[in-house]
Amino acid sequence: MVIKRKRIGTWHDGDSGKFTDGTKFRLQGVRSHERHQFGGSKATRTAAGMTGRTKGFVNVRTVARDRYGRVVVEMSNKDGSINKRMKNKGYRNKGRWKGILHT
């Protein structure tokens, strides 16, 4: 698949957000609390901090689409894979996420 360079506009929570071009995304294999749940704002700050060091620019590889129409992505920047670093911090999928529609 093609790797594109994009800029993140906003993070909705620790595992999803929106690019500046309006495309909504979700990190593959990462599962975090929603922003309004306990621990959700910490997850959002963690993800935003990982992308803030590069002024929001990231390398994105689209994997699929989910049932809500968001693109499922593997994301990285100069510090490495954001998906992997979020998983290492404890935000793991644990096999509960379903609904991938392959593109």
C-alpha atoms as a PDB file:
ATOM      1  CA  MET A   1       0.000   0.000   0.000  1.00  0.00           C
ATOM      2  CA  VAL A   2       1.012   3.607  -0.525  1.00  0.00           C
ATOM      3  CA  ILE A   3       2.486   5.671   2.306  1.00  0.00           C
ATOM      4  CA  LYS A   4       1.331   9.297   2.321  1.00  0.00           C
ATOM      5  CA  ARG A   5       2.459  12.256   4.379  1.00  0.00           C
ATOM      6  CA  LYS A   6      -0.472  13.960   6.100  1.00  0.00           C
ATOM      7  CA  ARG A   7      -1.072  16.444   8.866  1.00  0.00           C
ATOM      8  CA  ILE A   8      -3.309  15.738  11.842  1.00  0.00           C
ATOM      9  CA  GLY A   9      -5.967  18.346  12.500  1.00  0.00           C
ATOM     10  CA  THR A  10      -7.469  17.062  15.741  1.00  0.00           C
ATOM     11  CA  TRP A  11      -7.430  13.979  17.939  1.00  0.00           C
ATOM     12  CA  HIS A  12     -10.929  12.872  19.026  1.00  0.00           C
ATOM     13  CA  ASP A  13      -9.529  10.410  21.566  1.00  0.00           C
ATOM     14  CA  GLY A  14      -6.385   8.298  21.898  1.00  0.00           C
ATOM     15  CA  ASP A  15      -7.051   6.135  18.863  1.00  0.00           C
ATOM     16  CA  SER A  16      -8.988   8.285  16.373  1.00  0.00           C
ATOM     17  CA  GLY A  17      -9.032  11.754  14.925  1.00  0.00           C
ATOM     18  CA  LYS A  18      -9.220  13.831  11.775  1.00  0.00           C
ATOM     19  CA  PHE A  19      -6.606  14.924   9.245  1.00  0.00           C
ATOM     20  CA  THR A  20      -6.507  18.527   8.025  1.00  0.00           C
ATOM     21  CA  ASP A  21      -8.022  17.394   4.705  1.00  0.00           C
ATOM     22  CA  GLY A  22     -11.166  16.265   6.589  1.00  0.00           C
ATOM     23  CA  THR A  23     -10.521  12.502   6.473  1.00  0.00           C
ATOM     24  CA  LYS A  24     -11.407  10.714   9.708  1.00  0.00           C
ATOM     25  CA  PHE A  25      -9.008   8.003  10.841  1.00  0.00           C
ATOM     26  CA  ARG A  26      -8.530   5.271  13.429  1.00  0.00           C
ATOM     27  CA  LEU A  27      -5.229   3.695  14.483  1.00  0.00           C
ATOM     28  CA  GLN A  28      -4.988  -0.020  13.659  1.00  0.00           C
ATOM     29  CA  GLY A  29      -4.707  -2.321  16.678  1.00  0.00           C
ATOM     30  CA  VAL A  30      -4.965   0.512  19.213  1.00  0.00           C
ATOM     31  CA  ARG A  31      -7.855   0.753  21.649  1.00  0.00           C
ATOM     32  CA  SER A  32      -8.122   3.590  24.147  1.00  0.00           C
ATOM     33  CA  HIS A  33     -10.782   5.154  26.310  1.00  0.00           C
ATOM     34  CA  GLU A  34     -13.158   7.681  24.808  1.00  0.00           C
ATOM     35  CA  ARG A  35     -12.405  11.275  25.735  1.00  0.00           C
ATOM     36  CA  HIS A  36     -15.356  11.509  28.164  1.00  0.00           C
ATOM     37  CA  GLN A  37     -14.398   8.271  29.985  1.00  0.00           C
ATOM     38  CA  PHE A  38     -11.963   7.954  32.874  1.00  0.00           C
ATOM     39  CA  GLY A  39      -8.445   7.986  31.384  1.00  0.00           C
ATOM     40  CA  GLY A  40      -9.665   9.250  28.025  1.00  0.00           C
ATOM     41  CA  SER A  41      -8.114  12.700  28.209  1.00  0.00           C
ATOM     42  CA  LYS A  42      -4.766  11.129  29.166  1.00  0.00           C
ATOM     43  CA  ALA A  43      -4.917   8.849  26.107  1.00  0.00           C
ATOM     44  CA  THR A  44      -5.750  11.834  23.893  1.00  0.00           C
ATOM     45  CA  ARG A  45      -2.838  13.864  25.318  1.00  0.00           C
ATOM     46  CA  THR A  46      -0.503  10.879  24.847  1.00  0.00           C
ATOM     47  CA  ALA A  47      -1.375  10.494  21.160  1.00  0.00           C
ATOM     48  CA  ALA A  48      -1.287  14.249  20.545  1.00  0.00           C
ATOM     49  CA  GLY A  49       2.102  14.474  22.238  1.00  0.00           C
ATOM     50  CA  MET A  50       3.536  11.814  19.966  1.00  0.00           C
ATOM     51  CA  THR A  51       2.485  13.743  16.875  1.00  0.00           C
ATOM     52  CA  GLY A  52       3.058  17.229  18.253  1.00  0.00           C
ATOM     53  CA  ARG A  53       6.841  16.902  18.089  1.00  0.00           C
ATOM     54  CA  THR A  54       6.623  16.811  14.294  1.00  0.00           C
ATOM     55  CA  LYS A  55       4.088  19.659  14.098  1.00  0.00           C
ATOM     56  CA  GLY A  56       1.347  17.145  13.307  1.00  0.00           C
ATOM     57  CA  PHE A  57       2.957  15.735  10.158  1.00  0.00           C
ATOM     58  CA  VAL A  58       2.896  11.935   9.990  1.00  0.00           C
ATOM     59  CA  ASN A  59       3.435   9.143   7.476  1.00  0.00           C
ATOM     60  CA  VAL A  60       0.215   7.207   6.941  1.00  0.00           C
ATOM     61  CA  ARG A  61      -0.412   3.782   5.422  1.00  0.00           C
ATOM     62  CA  THR A  62      -4.098   3.010   4.897  1.00  0.00           C
ATOM     63  CA  VAL A  63      -5.014  -0.540   5.898  1.00  0.00           C
ATOM     64  CA  ALA A  64      -8.826  -0.658   5.608  1.00  0.00           C
ATOM     65  CA  ARG A  65     -12.069   1.145   6.434  1.00  0.00           C
ATOM     66  CA  ASP A  66     -14.126   0.534   9.544  1.00  0.00           C
ATOM     67  CA  ARG A  67     -17.888   0.289   9.856  1.00  0.00           C
ATOM     68  CA  TYR A  68     -18.137   4.036  10.557  1.00  0.00           C
ATOM     69  CA  GLY A  69     -16.393   4.982   7.314  1.00  0.00           C
ATOM     70  CA  ARG A  70     -13.096   5.989   8.914  1.00  0.00           C
ATOM     71  CA  VAL A  71      -9.832   4.877   7.355  1.00  0.00           C
ATOM     72  CA  VAL A  72      -7.861   2.445   9.511  1.00  0.00           C
ATOM     73  CA  VAL A  73      -4.206   3.477   9.396  1.00  0.00           C
ATOM     74  CA  GLU A  74      -0.712   2.627  10.492  1.00  0.00           C
ATOM     75  CA  MET A  75       0.913   5.922  11.439  1.00  0.00           C
ATOM     76  CA  SER A  76       4.535   6.872  11.999  1.00  0.00           C
ATOM     77  CA  ASN A  77       6.766   9.921  12.248  1.00  0.00           C
ATOM     78  CA  LYS A  78      10.498  10.521  12.747  1.00  0.00           C
ATOM     79  CA  ASP A  79      10.303   8.899  16.203  1.00  0.00           C
ATOM     80  CA  GLY A  80       8.879   5.631  14.828  1.00  0.00           C
ATOM     81  CA  SER A  81       5.503   3.910  14.707  1.00  0.00           C
ATOM     82  CA  ILE A  82       2.777   5.688  16.667  1.00  0.00           C
ATOM     83  CA  ASN A  83       0.639   2.529  16.652  1.00  0.00           C
ATOM     84  CA  LYS A  84       3.445   0.528  18.254  1.00  0.00           C
ATOM     85  CA  ARG A  85       4.236   3.205  20.856  1.00  0.00           C
ATOM     86  CA  MET A  86       0.572   3.522  21.869  1.00  0.00           C
ATOM     87  CA  LYS A  87       0.354  -0.284  22.249  1.00  0.00           C
ATOM     88  CA  ASN A  88       3.523  -0.274  24.352  1.00  0.00           C
ATOM     89  CA  LYS A  89       1.884   2.284  26.654  1.00  0.00           C
ATOM     90  CA  GLY A  90      -0.978  -0.159  27.254  1.00  0.00           C
ATOM     91  CA  TYR A  91      -3.568   0.955  24.693  1.00  0.00           C
ATOM     92  CA  ARG A  92      -4.010  -2.473  23.097  1.00  0.00           C
ATOM     93  CA  ASN A  93      -6.826  -3.803  20.982  1.00  0.00           C
ATOM     94  CA  LYS A  94      -7.181  -7.082  22.925  1.00  0.00           C
ATOM     95  CA  GLY A  95      -9.191  -8.616  20.064  1.00  0.00           C
ATOM     96  CA  ARG A  96     -12.443  -6.774  20.762  1.00  0.00           C
ATOM     97  CA  TRP A  97     -12.590  -4.490  17.734  1.00  0.00           C
ATOM     98  CA  LYS A  98     -14.555  -5.787  14.751  1.00  0.00           C
ATOM     99  CA  GLY A  99     -16.057  -4.388  11.581  1.00  0.00           C
ATOM    100  CA  ILE A 100     -13.155  -3.982   9.162  1.00  0.00           C
ATOM    101  CA  LEU A 101     -14.166  -3.678   5.552  1.00  0.00           C
ATOM    102  CA  HIS A 102     -11.078  -4.250   3.415  1.00  0.00           C
ATOM    103  CA  THR A 103     -10.413  -1.724   0.675  1.00  0.00           C
END
